Amino acid sequence: MNKEGYKDVAKQLADRFGFSKVAITLRESLSANDNNWSAMLYDGKEYHFSKTYKIHIVDRVGGGDSFGAGLIGATLLGYDSKESIEFAVAASCLKHAVEGDFNMVSLDEVTKLAGGDASGRVQR
């Protein structure tokens, strides 16, 4: 992964459109059902890259929505930029392990995963 390339894209988007924050999900396909999953957040000052998780995909539908909802939720809860991107990626990782459109995991599960209660491998 070329982190500098993602930083450049985020900065250009923020500058061109006046965004105060830019988030980008980063998927590395290992196979059809196994991916490395992470994200970055540019907050206008700093670039924050999340941990990378190895995920086994049960259902991709809703993974992006869960990421966006996690980022919005973390921001509303007053999390800083690093905590917010970790929370959003954790919510999305867990959704990939749930069948169906909805992320049926608890706030506690997301918080634990975001806080480091995993070895970089998501299992549910």
Protein backbone atom coordinates (compact mmCIF):
# COMPACT_ATOMS: atom_id res chain seq x y z
CA MET A 1 0.00 0.00 0.00
CA ASN A 2 1.34 3.40 -0.98
CA LYS A 3 0.37 5.57 1.99
CA GLU A 4 1.75 8.70 0.33
CA GLY A 5 -0.62 8.23 -2.60
CA TYR A 6 -3.64 8.04 -0.30
CA LYS A 7 -2.44 11.09 1.62
CA ASP A 8 -2.15 13.02 -1.64
CA VAL A 9 -5.67 12.03 -2.76
CA ALA A 10 -7.17 12.98 0.61
CA LYS A 11 -5.42 16.36 0.63
CA GLN A 12 -6.53 17.11 -2.93
CA LEU A 13 -10.16 16.25 -2.11
CA ALA A 14 -10.09 18.42 1.02
CA ASP A 15 -8.54 21.35 -0.84
CA ARG A 16 -10.71 21.12 -3.95
CA PHE A 17 -14.07 20.64 -2.24
CA GLY A 18 -13.47 22.28 1.14
CA PHE A 19 -13.93 19.07 3.13
CA SER A 20 -12.85 19.30 6.76
CA LYS A 21 -12.25 15.52 6.83
CA VAL A 22 -11.63 12.85 4.21
CA ALA A 23 -11.85 9.11 4.92
CA ILE A 24 -10.73 6.40 2.53
CA THR A 25 -11.21 2.65 3.00
CA LEU A 26 -8.28 0.46 1.99
CA ARG A 27 -9.03 -3.07 0.81
CA GLU A 28 -6.36 -5.55 -0.23
CA SER A 29 -7.94 -8.64 -1.79
CA LEU A 30 -6.17 -11.84 -0.82
CA SER A 31 -8.90 -14.03 -2.32
CA ALA A 32 -12.60 -13.71 -3.09
CA ASN A 33 -13.47 -14.17 0.59
CA ASP A 34 -10.36 -12.99 2.42
CA ASN A 35 -9.14 -9.41 2.54
CA ASN A 36 -6.88 -7.11 4.47
CA TRP A 37 -9.05 -4.18 5.55
CA SER A 38 -8.05 -0.77 6.90
CA ALA A 39 -8.71 2.92 6.35
CA MET A 40 -7.22 6.37 6.65
CA LEU A 41 -8.63 9.67 7.83
CA TYR A 42 -7.29 13.10 6.96
CA ASP A 43 -8.57 15.70 9.42
CA GLY A 44 -7.12 18.78 7.75
CA LYS A 45 -3.92 18.58 9.80
CA GLU A 46 -2.86 14.97 10.19
CA TYR A 47 -3.26 11.64 8.42
CA HIS A 48 -4.44 8.75 10.57
CA PHE A 49 -4.12 5.16 9.35
CA SER A 50 -6.03 2.43 11.16
CA LYS A 51 -4.80 -1.00 12.06
CA THR A 52 -5.05 -3.52 9.26
CA TYR A 53 -7.36 -6.46 9.86
CA LYS A 54 -7.37 -9.77 8.04
CA ILE A 55 -11.06 -10.47 7.49
CA HIS A 56 -12.97 -13.45 6.16
CA ILE A 57 -15.94 -12.07 4.29
CA VAL A 58 -19.34 -13.59 4.96
CA ASP A 59 -21.23 -10.74 3.26
CA ARG A 60 -19.80 -7.49 1.83
CA VAL A 61 -23.19 -5.78 1.56
CA GLY A 62 -23.37 -3.03 4.17
CA GLY A 63 -19.64 -2.92 4.90
CA GLY A 64 -19.24 0.60 3.52
CA ASP A 65 -22.40 1.80 5.23
CA SER A 66 -21.10 0.39 8.51
CA PHE A 67 -17.81 2.20 8.00
CA GLY A 68 -19.60 5.51 7.36
CA ALA A 69 -21.97 5.03 10.28
CA GLY A 70 -19.06 4.12 12.53
CA LEU A 71 -17.18 7.25 11.54
CA ILE A 72 -20.22 9.48 12.09
CA GLY A 73 -21.05 7.77 15.37
CA ALA A 74 -17.51 8.07 16.71
CA THR A 75 -17.42 11.75 15.78
CA LEU A 76 -20.75 12.37 17.54
CA LEU A 77 -19.43 10.54 20.61
CA GLY A 78 -16.51 13.00 20.70
CA TYR A 79 -13.77 10.59 19.67
CA ASP A 80 -10.59 12.12 18.29
CA SER A 81 -9.54 11.42 14.70
CA LYS A 82 -7.42 8.34 15.48
CA GLU A 83 -10.12 6.83 17.70
CA SER A 84 -12.77 7.62 15.09
CA ILE A 85 -11.00 5.85 12.23
CA GLU A 86 -10.27 2.82 14.43
CA PHE A 87 -13.94 2.67 15.48
CA ALA A 88 -15.19 2.99 11.89
CA VAL A 89 -12.89 0.24 10.61
CA ALA A 90 -13.84 -2.04 13.51
CA ALA A 91 -17.56 -1.55 12.78
CA SER A 92 -16.98 -2.34 9.12
CA CYS A 93 -14.79 -5.37 9.87
CA LEU A 94 -17.45 -6.87 12.08
CA LYS A 95 -20.16 -6.22 9.48
CA HIS A 96 -18.20 -8.21 6.91
CA ALA A 97 -18.63 -11.21 9.27
CA VAL A 98 -22.43 -10.83 9.45
CA GLU A 99 -24.83 -12.16 6.84
CA GLY A 100 -27.36 -9.66 5.50
CA ASP A 101 -27.55 -5.92 4.94
CA PHE A 102 -27.51 -4.77 8.56
CA ASN A 103 -24.65 -4.61 11.03
CA MET A 104 -26.12 -6.63 13.89
CA VAL A 105 -23.18 -6.23 16.26
CA SER A 106 -23.18 -4.40 19.56
CA LEU A 107 -21.48 -1.15 20.47
CA ASP A 108 -19.47 -3.17 22.99
CA GLU A 109 -18.17 -5.52 20.25
CA VAL A 110 -17.09 -2.59 18.08
CA THR A 111 -15.48 -0.76 21.00
CA LYS A 112 -13.54 -3.86 22.07
CA LEU A 113 -12.24 -4.54 18.57
CA ALA A 114 -11.36 -0.87 18.00
CA GLY A 115 -9.57 -0.79 21.34
CA GLY A 116 -7.27 -3.64 20.42
CA ASP A 117 -9.17 -6.72 21.60
CA ALA A 118 -7.98 -8.73 18.59
CA SER A 119 -4.78 -9.91 17.02
CA GLY A 120 -5.49 -8.25 13.69
CA ARG A 121 -7.72 -11.16 12.69
CA VAL A 122 -11.48 -10.70 12.86
CA GLN A 123 -13.51 -13.67 13.97
CA ARG A 124 -17.10 -13.77 15.00
